[in-house]
């Protein structure tokens, strides 16, 4: 492949790479979920870690939300509503990605 081919086909190549990575992630998820969870003691430890991680994430998101509102207000007054709205959309999408992951 030469450089002009890559430049002329950058969008399809990047979208294709993204689709392949998503499919690979789905394949790995299916493979991992098919494996046994372990014995009762392992599940107990796993549940405790999960509960602790959930509590930490709730606390972290509540603190980050306050900071995000402050940054939003600063951006709104200094750079305008479009910049602030872009920041808010990015922050919300980042939060959703963090919660779903």
Protein backbone atom coordinates (compact mmCIF):
# COMPACT_ATOMS: atom_id res chain seq x y z
CA UNK A 1 0.00 0.00 0.00
CA UNK A 2 1.25 3.43 -0.78
CA UNK A 3 0.61 6.63 1.15
CA UNK A 4 -1.90 8.08 -1.34
CA UNK A 5 -4.11 4.98 -1.00
CA UNK A 6 -4.17 5.39 2.77
CA UNK A 7 -4.90 9.12 2.54
CA UNK A 8 -7.67 8.67 -0.04
CA UNK A 9 -9.30 5.86 1.97
CA UNK A 10 -8.70 7.13 5.51
CA UNK A 11 -12.37 7.24 6.53
CA UNK A 12 -13.30 3.70 5.39
CA UNK A 13 -10.08 2.33 6.88
CA UNK A 14 -10.69 3.95 10.27
CA UNK A 15 -14.35 2.94 10.36
CA UNK A 16 -13.38 -0.60 9.38
CA UNK A 17 -10.74 -0.73 12.10
CA UNK A 18 -13.31 0.51 14.62
CA UNK A 19 -15.86 -2.12 13.56
CA UNK A 20 -13.24 -4.86 13.77
CA UNK A 21 -12.22 -3.76 17.26
CA UNK A 22 -15.84 -3.78 18.43
CA UNK A 23 -16.40 -7.25 16.99
CA UNK A 24 -13.21 -8.48 18.68
CA UNK A 25 -14.41 -7.01 21.98
CA UNK A 26 -17.75 -8.79 21.62
CA UNK A 27 -15.97 -12.06 20.84
CA UNK A 28 -13.74 -11.75 23.92
CA UNK A 29 -16.74 -10.88 26.10
CA UNK A 30 -18.63 -13.97 24.94
CA UNK A 31 -15.57 -16.17 25.53
CA UNK A 32 -15.05 -14.81 29.05
CA UNK A 33 -18.73 -15.04 30.05
CA UNK A 34 -18.83 -18.71 29.01
CA UNK A 35 -16.16 -19.59 31.57
CA UNK A 36 -17.23 -20.74 35.07
CA UNK A 37 -17.36 -18.08 37.81
CA UNK A 38 -15.47 -20.18 40.35
CA UNK A 39 -16.32 -21.57 43.77
CA UNK A 40 -18.43 -19.92 46.48
CA UNK A 41 -15.47 -18.22 48.19
CA UNK A 42 -14.31 -16.68 44.89
CA UNK A 43 -17.83 -15.40 44.22
CA UNK A 44 -18.03 -13.92 47.72
CA UNK A 45 -14.76 -12.05 47.21
CA UNK A 46 -15.86 -10.93 43.74
CA UNK A 47 -19.16 -9.60 45.09
CA UNK A 48 -17.36 -7.66 47.85
CA UNK A 49 -14.97 -6.10 45.32
CA UNK A 50 -17.89 -5.22 43.05
CA UNK A 51 -19.80 -3.56 45.90
CA UNK A 52 -16.73 -1.54 46.92
CA UNK A 53 -16.04 -0.49 43.33
CA UNK A 54 -19.66 0.61 42.85
CA UNK A 55 -19.58 2.71 46.02
CA UNK A 56 -16.30 4.31 44.93
CA UNK A 57 -17.65 5.11 41.46
CA UNK A 58 -20.83 6.70 42.89
CA UNK A 59 -18.71 8.91 45.13
CA UNK A 60 -16.30 9.76 42.33
CA UNK A 61 -19.06 10.68 39.88
CA UNK A 62 -20.76 12.89 42.45
CA UNK A 63 -17.53 14.84 43.01
CA UNK A 64 -16.76 15.01 39.28
CA UNK A 65 -20.31 16.23 38.59
CA UNK A 66 -19.81 19.23 40.88
CA UNK A 67 -16.49 20.05 39.22
CA UNK A 68 -18.11 19.56 35.80
CA UNK A 69 -20.86 22.07 36.60
CA UNK A 70 -18.25 24.62 37.69
CA UNK A 71 -16.22 24.09 34.51
CA UNK A 72 -19.42 24.30 32.44
CA UNK A 73 -20.26 27.67 34.01
CA UNK A 74 -16.76 29.01 33.41
CA UNK A 75 -16.81 27.87 29.79
CA UNK A 76 -20.28 29.34 29.29
CA UNK A 77 -19.27 32.77 30.52
CA UNK A 78 -15.76 32.85 29.00
CA UNK A 79 -16.11 30.99 25.69
CA UNK A 80 -19.85 30.89 25.02
CA UNK A 81 -22.75 28.49 25.00
CA UNK A 82 -21.56 26.25 22.14
CA UNK A 83 -18.26 25.46 23.84
CA UNK A 84 -20.01 24.82 27.15
CA UNK A 85 -22.59 22.61 25.45
CA UNK A 86 -19.83 20.65 23.70
CA UNK A 87 -18.09 20.15 27.03
CA UNK A 88 -21.36 18.98 28.65
CA UNK A 89 -22.10 16.52 25.85
CA UNK A 90 -18.57 15.10 26.07
CA UNK A 91 -18.77 14.82 29.85
CA UNK A 92 -22.15 13.07 29.70
CA UNK A 93 -20.96 10.62 27.02
CA UNK A 94 -17.83 9.93 29.06
CA UNK A 95 -19.94 9.24 32.14
CA UNK A 96 -22.24 6.88 30.23
CA UNK A 97 -19.22 5.04 28.81
CA UNK A 98 -17.76 4.72 32.32
CA UNK A 99 -20.99 3.39 33.77
CA UNK A 100 -21.54 0.87 30.97
CA UNK A 101 -17.96 -0.41 30.96
